[in-house]
Full PDB file with SEQRES, HELIX, SHEET, SSBOND, CRYST1, ORIGX, SCALE, CONECT and MASTER records, all heavy atoms in Angstrom:
SEQRES   1 A   31  ARG LEU GLU ALA GLU GLY LYS ALA ASP GLN VAL LYS ALA          
SEQRES   2 A   31  ASP ALA LYS LYS ALA ALA ASP LYS VAL LYS ASP ALA PHE          
SEQRES   3 A   31  ASP ASP ALA GLY LYS                                          
HELIX    1 AA1 LEU A    2  ALA A   29  1                                  28    
CRYST1    1.000    1.000    1.000  90.00  90.00  90.00 P 1           1          
ORIGX1      1.000000  0.000000  0.000000        0.00000                         
ORIGX2      0.000000  1.000000  0.000000        0.00000                         
ORIGX3      0.000000  0.000000  1.000000        0.00000                         
SCALE1      1.000000  0.000000  0.000000        0.00000                         
SCALE2      0.000000  1.000000  0.000000        0.00000                         
SCALE3      0.000000  0.000000  1.000000        0.00000                         
ATOM      1  N   ARG A   1     126.275 103.078  77.738  1.00  0.00           N  
ATOM      2  CA  ARG A   1     126.149 104.088  78.779  1.00  0.00           C  
ATOM      3  C   ARG A   1     124.840 104.876  78.612  1.00  0.00           C  
ATOM      4  O   ARG A   1     124.121 105.106  79.596  1.00  0.00           O  
ATOM      5  CB  ARG A   1     127.344 105.047  78.723  1.00  0.00           C  
ATOM      6  CG  ARG A   1     127.312 106.097  79.806  1.00  0.00           C  
ATOM      7  CD  ARG A   1     128.598 106.909  79.795  1.00  0.00           C  
ATOM      8  NE  ARG A   1     128.508 107.967  80.768  1.00  0.00           N  
ATOM      9  CZ  ARG A   1     128.690 109.242  80.487  1.00  0.00           C  
ATOM     10  NH1 ARG A   1     129.026 109.621  79.273  1.00  0.00           N  
ATOM     11  NH2 ARG A   1     128.585 110.154  81.442  1.00  0.00           N  
ATOM     12  N   LEU A   2     124.533 105.294  77.399  1.00  0.00           N  
ATOM     13  CA  LEU A   2     123.297 106.031  77.153  1.00  0.00           C  
ATOM     14  C   LEU A   2     122.083 105.171  77.393  1.00  0.00           C  
ATOM     15  O   LEU A   2     121.073 105.624  77.960  1.00  0.00           O  
ATOM     16  CB  LEU A   2     123.285 106.577  75.716  1.00  0.00           C  
ATOM     17  CG  LEU A   2     122.149 107.514  75.346  1.00  0.00           C  
ATOM     18  CD1 LEU A   2     122.142 108.749  76.234  1.00  0.00           C  
ATOM     19  CD2 LEU A   2     122.254 107.925  73.889  1.00  0.00           C  
ATOM     20  N   GLU A   3     122.165 103.911  77.009  1.00  0.00           N  
ATOM     21  CA  GLU A   3     121.058 102.983  77.246  1.00  0.00           C  
ATOM     22  C   GLU A   3     120.808 102.813  78.750  1.00  0.00           C  
ATOM     23  O   GLU A   3     119.656 102.874  79.197  1.00  0.00           O  
ATOM     24  CB  GLU A   3     121.398 101.626  76.624  1.00  0.00           C  
ATOM     25  CG  GLU A   3     120.283 100.630  76.675  1.00  0.00           C  
ATOM     26  CD  GLU A   3     120.645  99.316  76.005  1.00  0.00           C  
ATOM     27  OE1 GLU A   3     121.623  99.257  75.219  1.00  0.00           O  
ATOM     28  OE2 GLU A   3     119.902  98.339  76.233  1.00  0.00           O  
ATOM     29  N   ALA A   4     121.865 102.663  79.518  1.00  0.00           N  
ATOM     30  CA  ALA A   4     121.734 102.515  80.974  1.00  0.00           C  
ATOM     31  C   ALA A   4     121.198 103.805  81.601  1.00  0.00           C  
ATOM     32  O   ALA A   4     120.376 103.760  82.527  1.00  0.00           O  
ATOM     33  CB  ALA A   4     123.084 102.165  81.591  1.00  0.00           C  
ATOM     34  N   GLU A   5     121.644 104.940  81.095  1.00  0.00           N  
ATOM     35  CA  GLU A   5     121.161 106.225  81.602  1.00  0.00           C  
ATOM     36  C   GLU A   5     119.666 106.370  81.344  1.00  0.00           C  
ATOM     37  O   GLU A   5     118.910 106.851  82.202  1.00  0.00           O  
ATOM     38  CB  GLU A   5     121.928 107.370  80.919  1.00  0.00           C  
ATOM     39  CG  GLU A   5     121.667 108.733  81.511  1.00  0.00           C  
ATOM     40  CD  GLU A   5     122.517 109.803  80.845  1.00  0.00           C  
ATOM     41  OE1 GLU A   5     123.728 109.588  80.659  1.00  0.00           O  
ATOM     42  OE2 GLU A   5     121.936 110.858  80.492  1.00  0.00           O  
ATOM     43  N   GLY A   6     119.213 105.929  80.176  1.00  0.00           N  
ATOM     44  CA  GLY A   6     117.794 105.981  79.864  1.00  0.00           C  
ATOM     45  C   GLY A   6     116.982 105.096  80.778  1.00  0.00           C  
ATOM     46  O   GLY A   6     115.904 105.492  81.256  1.00  0.00           O  
ATOM     47  N   LYS A   7     117.481 103.914  81.049  1.00  0.00           N  
ATOM     48  CA  LYS A   7     116.772 102.998  81.950  1.00  0.00           C  
ATOM     49  C   LYS A   7     116.719 103.592  83.359  1.00  0.00           C  
ATOM     50  O   LYS A   7     115.688 103.498  84.033  1.00  0.00           O  
ATOM     51  CB  LYS A   7     117.472 101.637  81.991  1.00  0.00           C  
ATOM     52  CG  LYS A   7     117.259 100.822  80.731  1.00  0.00           C  
ATOM     53  CD  LYS A   7     117.973  99.501  80.794  1.00  0.00           C  
ATOM     54  CE  LYS A   7     117.805  98.706  79.513  1.00  0.00           C  
ATOM     55  NZ  LYS A   7     118.500  97.410  79.563  1.00  0.00           N  
ATOM     56  N   ALA A   8     117.799 104.212  83.793  1.00  0.00           N  
ATOM     57  CA  ALA A   8     117.847 104.839  85.116  1.00  0.00           C  
ATOM     58  C   ALA A   8     116.836 105.985  85.201  1.00  0.00           C  
ATOM     59  O   ALA A   8     116.164 106.148  86.232  1.00  0.00           O  
ATOM     60  CB  ALA A   8     119.261 105.338  85.422  1.00  0.00           C  
ATOM     61  N   ASP A   9     116.731 106.785  84.153  1.00  0.00           N  
ATOM     62  CA  ASP A   9     115.744 107.876  84.123  1.00  0.00           C  
ATOM     63  C   ASP A   9     114.348 107.335  84.282  1.00  0.00           C  
ATOM     64  O   ASP A   9     113.517 107.920  84.988  1.00  0.00           O  
ATOM     65  CB  ASP A   9     115.854 108.679  82.818  1.00  0.00           C  
ATOM     66  CG  ASP A   9     117.090 109.558  82.748  1.00  0.00           C  
ATOM     67  OD1 ASP A   9     117.772 109.736  83.777  1.00  0.00           O  
ATOM     68  OD2 ASP A   9     117.386 110.068  81.651  1.00  0.00           O  
ATOM     69  N   GLN A  10     114.047 106.230  83.642  1.00  0.00           N  
ATOM     70  CA  GLN A  10     112.722 105.630  83.717  1.00  0.00           C  
ATOM     71  C   GLN A  10     112.424 105.128  85.134  1.00  0.00           C  
ATOM     72  O   GLN A  10     111.331 105.339  85.670  1.00  0.00           O  
ATOM     73  CB  GLN A  10     112.599 104.474  82.724  1.00  0.00           C  
ATOM     74  CG  GLN A  10     112.626 104.917  81.286  1.00  0.00           C  
ATOM     75  CD  GLN A  10     112.643 103.742  80.346  1.00  0.00           C  
ATOM     76  OE1 GLN A  10     111.706 102.962  80.321  1.00  0.00           O  
ATOM     77  NE2 GLN A  10     113.718 103.597  79.583  1.00  0.00           N  
ATOM     78  N   VAL A  11     113.404 104.495  85.738  1.00  0.00           N  
ATOM     79  CA  VAL A  11     113.233 103.992  87.113  1.00  0.00           C  
ATOM     80  C   VAL A  11     112.999 105.149  88.068  1.00  0.00           C  
ATOM     81  O   VAL A  11     112.127 105.093  88.949  1.00  0.00           O  
ATOM     82  CB  VAL A  11     114.450 103.137  87.539  1.00  0.00           C  
ATOM     83  CG1 VAL A  11     114.418 102.842  89.012  1.00  0.00           C  
ATOM     84  CG2 VAL A  11     114.503 101.850  86.727  1.00  0.00           C  
ATOM     85  N   LYS A  12     113.759 106.214  87.885  1.00  0.00           N  
ATOM     86  CA  LYS A  12     113.631 107.400  88.735  1.00  0.00           C  
ATOM     87  C   LYS A  12     112.230 108.001  88.595  1.00  0.00           C  
ATOM     88  O   LYS A  12     111.608 108.360  89.605  1.00  0.00           O  
ATOM     89  CB  LYS A  12     114.706 108.426  88.351  1.00  0.00           C  
ATOM     90  CG  LYS A  12     114.846 109.573  89.336  1.00  0.00           C  
ATOM     91  CD  LYS A  12     116.124 110.340  89.078  1.00  0.00           C  
ATOM     92  CE  LYS A  12     115.853 111.568  88.259  1.00  0.00           C  
ATOM     93  NZ  LYS A  12     117.011 112.444  88.106  1.00  0.00           N  
ATOM     94  N   ALA A  13     111.739 108.115  87.383  1.00  0.00           N  
ATOM     95  CA  ALA A  13     110.400 108.669  87.158  1.00  0.00           C  
ATOM     96  C   ALA A  13     109.332 107.767  87.782  1.00  0.00           C  
ATOM     97  O   ALA A  13     108.375 108.273  88.396  1.00  0.00           O  
ATOM     98  CB  ALA A  13     110.148 108.846  85.675  1.00  0.00           C  
ATOM     99  N   ASP A  14     109.497 106.455  87.648  1.00  0.00           N  
ATOM    100  CA  ASP A  14     108.532 105.534  88.243  1.00  0.00           C  
ATOM    101  C   ASP A  14     108.539 105.630  89.762  1.00  0.00           C  
ATOM    102  O   ASP A  14     107.488 105.552  90.399  1.00  0.00           O  
ATOM    103  CB  ASP A  14     108.830 104.093  87.799  1.00  0.00           C  
ATOM    104  CG  ASP A  14     108.512 103.851  86.343  1.00  0.00           C  
ATOM    105  OD1 ASP A  14     107.771 104.651  85.727  1.00  0.00           O  
ATOM    106  OD2 ASP A  14     109.037 102.854  85.776  1.00  0.00           O  
ATOM    107  N   ALA A  15     109.718 105.783  90.347  1.00  0.00           N  
ATOM    108  CA  ALA A  15     109.824 105.910  91.796  1.00  0.00           C  
ATOM    109  C   ALA A  15     109.141 107.183  92.284  1.00  0.00           C  
ATOM    110  O   ALA A  15     108.455 107.177  93.321  1.00  0.00           O  
ATOM    111  CB  ALA A  15     111.291 105.888  92.227  1.00  0.00           C  
ATOM    112  N   LYS A  16     109.333 108.275  91.563  1.00  0.00           N  
ATOM    113  CA  LYS A  16     108.682 109.526  91.934  1.00  0.00           C  
ATOM    114  C   LYS A  16     107.163 109.392  91.870  1.00  0.00           C  
ATOM    115  O   LYS A  16     106.438 109.881  92.734  1.00  0.00           O  
ATOM    116  CB  LYS A  16     109.124 110.665  91.008  1.00  0.00           C  
ATOM    117  CG  LYS A  16     110.510 111.173  91.277  1.00  0.00           C  
ATOM    118  CD  LYS A  16     110.838 112.298  90.299  1.00  0.00           C  
ATOM    119  CE  LYS A  16     112.237 112.810  90.442  1.00  0.00           C  
ATOM    120  NZ  LYS A  16     112.524 113.877  89.451  1.00  0.00           N  
ATOM    121  N   LYS A  17     106.690 108.727  90.826  1.00  0.00           N  
ATOM    122  CA  LYS A  17     105.248 108.529  90.654  1.00  0.00           C  
ATOM    123  C   LYS A  17     104.697 107.681  91.799  1.00  0.00           C  
ATOM    124  O   LYS A  17     103.632 107.988  92.355  1.00  0.00           O  
ATOM    125  CB  LYS A  17     104.957 107.851  89.319  1.00  0.00           C  
ATOM    126  CG  LYS A  17     103.511 107.732  88.995  1.00  0.00           C  
ATOM    127  CD  LYS A  17     103.282 107.180  87.600  1.00  0.00           C  
ATOM    128  CE  LYS A  17     101.812 107.119  87.251  1.00  0.00           C  
ATOM    129  NZ  LYS A  17     101.601 106.648  85.880  1.00  0.00           N  
ATOM    130  N   ALA A  18     105.402 106.635  92.176  1.00  0.00           N  
ATOM    131  CA  ALA A  18     104.964 105.785  93.285  1.00  0.00           C  
ATOM    132  C   ALA A  18     104.951 106.577  94.597  1.00  0.00           C  
ATOM    133  O   ALA A  18     104.011 106.440  95.397  1.00  0.00           O  
ATOM    134  CB  ALA A  18     105.874 104.559  93.398  1.00  0.00           C  
ATOM    135  N   ALA A  19     105.965 107.388  94.823  1.00  0.00           N  
ATOM    136  CA  ALA A  19     106.023 108.185  96.038  1.00  0.00           C  
ATOM    137  C   ALA A  19     104.875 109.177  96.088  1.00  0.00           C  
ATOM    138  O   ALA A  19     104.283 109.408  97.152  1.00  0.00           O  
ATOM    139  CB  ALA A  19     107.354 108.913  96.123  1.00  0.00           C  
ATOM    140  N   ASP A  20     104.539 109.765  94.956  1.00  0.00           N  
ATOM    141  CA  ASP A  20     103.424 110.701  94.903  1.00  0.00           C  
ATOM    142  C   ASP A  20     102.109 109.999  95.219  1.00  0.00           C  
ATOM    143  O   ASP A  20     101.250 110.545  95.910  1.00  0.00           O  
ATOM    144  CB  ASP A  20     103.327 111.347  93.517  1.00  0.00           C  
ATOM    145  CG  ASP A  20     104.410 112.386  93.267  1.00  0.00           C  
ATOM    146  OD1 ASP A  20     105.019 112.852  94.261  1.00  0.00           O  
ATOM    147  OD2 ASP A  20     104.646 112.726  92.089  1.00  0.00           O  
ATOM    148  N   LYS A  21     101.943 108.758  94.735  1.00  0.00           N  
ATOM    149  CA  LYS A  21     100.715 107.997  95.008  1.00  0.00           C  
ATOM    150  C   LYS A  21     100.595 107.687  96.500  1.00  0.00           C  
ATOM    151  O   LYS A  21      99.512 107.775  97.084  1.00  0.00           O  
ATOM    152  CB  LYS A  21     100.677 106.721  94.195  1.00  0.00           C  
ATOM    153  CG  LYS A  21     100.342 106.937  92.756  1.00  0.00           C  
ATOM    154  CD  LYS A  21     100.211 105.618  92.001  1.00  0.00           C  
ATOM    155  CE  LYS A  21      99.815 105.839  90.570  1.00  0.00           C  
ATOM    156  NZ  LYS A  21      99.606 104.582  89.857  1.00  0.00           N  
ATOM    157  N   VAL A  22     101.719 107.311  97.123  1.00  0.00           N  
ATOM    158  CA  VAL A  22     101.708 107.025  98.561  1.00  0.00           C  
ATOM    159  C   VAL A  22     101.362 108.294  99.332  1.00  0.00           C  
ATOM    160  O   VAL A  22     100.534 108.266 100.253  1.00  0.00           O  
ATOM    161  CB  VAL A  22     103.062 106.451  99.018  1.00  0.00           C  
ATOM    162  CG1 VAL A  22     103.155 106.402 100.524  1.00  0.00           C  
ATOM    163  CG2 VAL A  22     103.277 105.072  98.421  1.00  0.00           C  
ATOM    164  N   LYS A  23     101.955 109.391  98.950  1.00  0.00           N  
ATOM    165  CA  LYS A  23     101.682 110.668  99.619  1.00  0.00           C  
ATOM    166  C   LYS A  23     100.203 111.015  99.493  1.00  0.00           C  
ATOM    167  O   LYS A  23      99.574 111.438 100.463  1.00  0.00           O  
ATOM    168  CB  LYS A  23     102.539 111.778  99.000  1.00  0.00           C  
ATOM    169  CG  LYS A  23     102.354 113.120  99.636  1.00  0.00           C  
ATOM    170  CD  LYS A  23     103.196 114.171  98.958  1.00  0.00           C  
ATOM    171  CE  LYS A  23     102.822 115.539  99.474  1.00  0.00           C  
ATOM    172  NZ  LYS A  23     103.361 116.609  98.642  1.00  0.00           N  
ATOM    173  N   ASP A  24      99.645 110.860  98.294  1.00  0.00           N  
ATOM    174  CA  ASP A  24      98.225 111.130  98.090  1.00  0.00           C  
ATOM    175  C   ASP A  24      97.339 110.223  98.940  1.00  0.00           C  
ATOM    176  O   ASP A  24      96.334 110.683  99.480  1.00  0.00           O  
ATOM    177  CB  ASP A  24      97.855 110.966  96.603  1.00  0.00           C  
ATOM    178  CG  ASP A  24      98.409 112.075  95.730  1.00  0.00           C  
ATOM    179  OD1 ASP A  24      98.845 113.119  96.278  1.00  0.00           O  
ATOM    180  OD2 ASP A  24      98.422 111.886  94.498  1.00  0.00           O  
ATOM    181  N   ALA A  25      97.722 108.972  99.084  1.00  0.00           N  
ATOM    182  CA  ALA A  25      96.947 108.038  99.890  1.00  0.00           C  
ATOM    183  C   ALA A  25      96.916 108.473 101.343  1.00  0.00           C  
ATOM    184  O   ALA A  25      95.873 108.420 101.997  1.00  0.00           O  
ATOM    185  CB  ALA A  25      97.505 106.635  99.763  1.00  0.00           C  
ATOM    186  N   PHE A  26      98.050 108.935 101.864  1.00  0.00           N  
ATOM    187  CA  PHE A  26      98.107 109.412 103.239  1.00  0.00           C  
ATOM    188  C   PHE A  26      97.316 110.708 103.392  1.00  0.00           C  
ATOM    189  O   PHE A  26      96.641 110.918 104.408  1.00  0.00           O  
ATOM    190  CB  PHE A  26      99.535 109.624 103.713  1.00  0.00           C  
ATOM    191  CG  PHE A  26     100.184 108.358 104.185  1.00  0.00           C  
ATOM    192  CD1 PHE A  26     101.139 107.698 103.410  1.00  0.00           C  
ATOM    193  CD2 PHE A  26      99.842 107.811 105.421  1.00  0.00           C  
ATOM    194  CE1 PHE A  26     101.729 106.542 103.847  1.00  0.00           C  
ATOM    195  CE2 PHE A  26     100.444 106.644 105.869  1.00  0.00           C  
ATOM    196  CZ  PHE A  26     101.382 105.997 105.093  1.00  0.00           C  
ATOM    197  N   ASP A  27      97.389 111.579 102.394  1.00  0.00           N  
ATOM    198  CA  ASP A  27      96.633 112.821 102.453  1.00  0.00           C  
ATOM    199  C   ASP A  27      95.132 112.522 102.447  1.00  0.00           C  
ATOM    200  O   ASP A  27      94.370 113.144 103.196  1.00  0.00           O  
ATOM    201  CB  ASP A  27      96.968 113.730 101.257  1.00  0.00           C  
ATOM    202  CG  ASP A  27      98.362 114.346 101.381  1.00  0.00           C  
ATOM    203  OD1 ASP A  27      98.943 114.331 102.469  1.00  0.00           O  
ATOM    204  OD2 ASP A  27      98.858 114.873 100.348  1.00  0.00           O  
ATOM    205  N   ASP A  28      94.706 111.582 101.625  1.00  0.00           N  
ATOM    206  CA  ASP A  28      93.302 111.211 101.560  1.00  0.00           C  
ATOM    207  C   ASP A  28      92.819 110.554 102.851  1.00  0.00           C  
ATOM    208  O   ASP A  28      91.690 110.758 103.299  1.00  0.00           O  
ATOM    209  CB  ASP A  28      93.014 110.280 100.380  1.00  0.00           C  
ATOM    210  CG  ASP A  28      93.157 110.991  99.041  1.00  0.00           C  
ATOM    211  OD1 ASP A  28      93.151 112.246  99.016  1.00  0.00           O  
ATOM    212  OD2 ASP A  28      93.268 110.296  98.001  1.00  0.00           O  
ATOM    213  N   ALA A  29      93.682 109.768 103.461  1.00  0.00           N  
ATOM    214  CA  ALA A  29      93.322 109.078 104.703  1.00  0.00           C  
ATOM    215  C   ALA A  29      93.184 110.059 105.865  1.00  0.00           C  
ATOM    216  O   ALA A  29      92.414 109.840 106.787  1.00  0.00           O  
ATOM    217  CB  ALA A  29      94.368 108.020 105.044  1.00  0.00           C  
ATOM    218  N   GLY A  30      93.911 111.161 105.794  1.00  0.00           N  
ATOM    219  CA  GLY A  30      93.868 112.154 106.859  1.00  0.00           C  
ATOM    220  C   GLY A  30      92.675 113.089 106.789  1.00  0.00           C  
ATOM    221  O   GLY A  30      92.431 113.855 107.710  1.00  0.00           O  
ATOM    222  N   LYS A  31      91.891 112.982 105.738  1.00  0.00           N  
ATOM    223  CA  LYS A  31      90.742 113.896 105.588  1.00  0.00           C  
ATOM    224  C   LYS A  31      89.527 113.375 106.291  1.00  0.00           C  
ATOM    225  O   LYS A  31      89.250 112.311 106.527  1.00  0.00           O  
ATOM    226  CB  LYS A  31      90.422 114.093 104.087  1.00  0.00           C  
ATOM    227  CG  LYS A  31      91.490 114.894 103.417  1.00  0.00           C  
ATOM    228  CD  LYS A  31      91.140 115.122 101.962  1.00  0.00           C  
ATOM    229  CE  LYS A  31      92.237 115.928 101.274  1.00  0.00           C  
ATOM    230  NZ  LYS A  31      91.963 116.110  99.883  1.00  0.00           N  
TER     231      LYS A  31                                                      
MASTER        0    0    0    1    0    0    0    6  230    1    0    3          
END                                                                             
């Protein structure tokens, strides 16, 4: 259970990072 929770935390962090990169790309394109 702890191992799976750790993997889930990593996936969640990676997803947030990817979303931030997409947001930055749109912000840069709008300038």
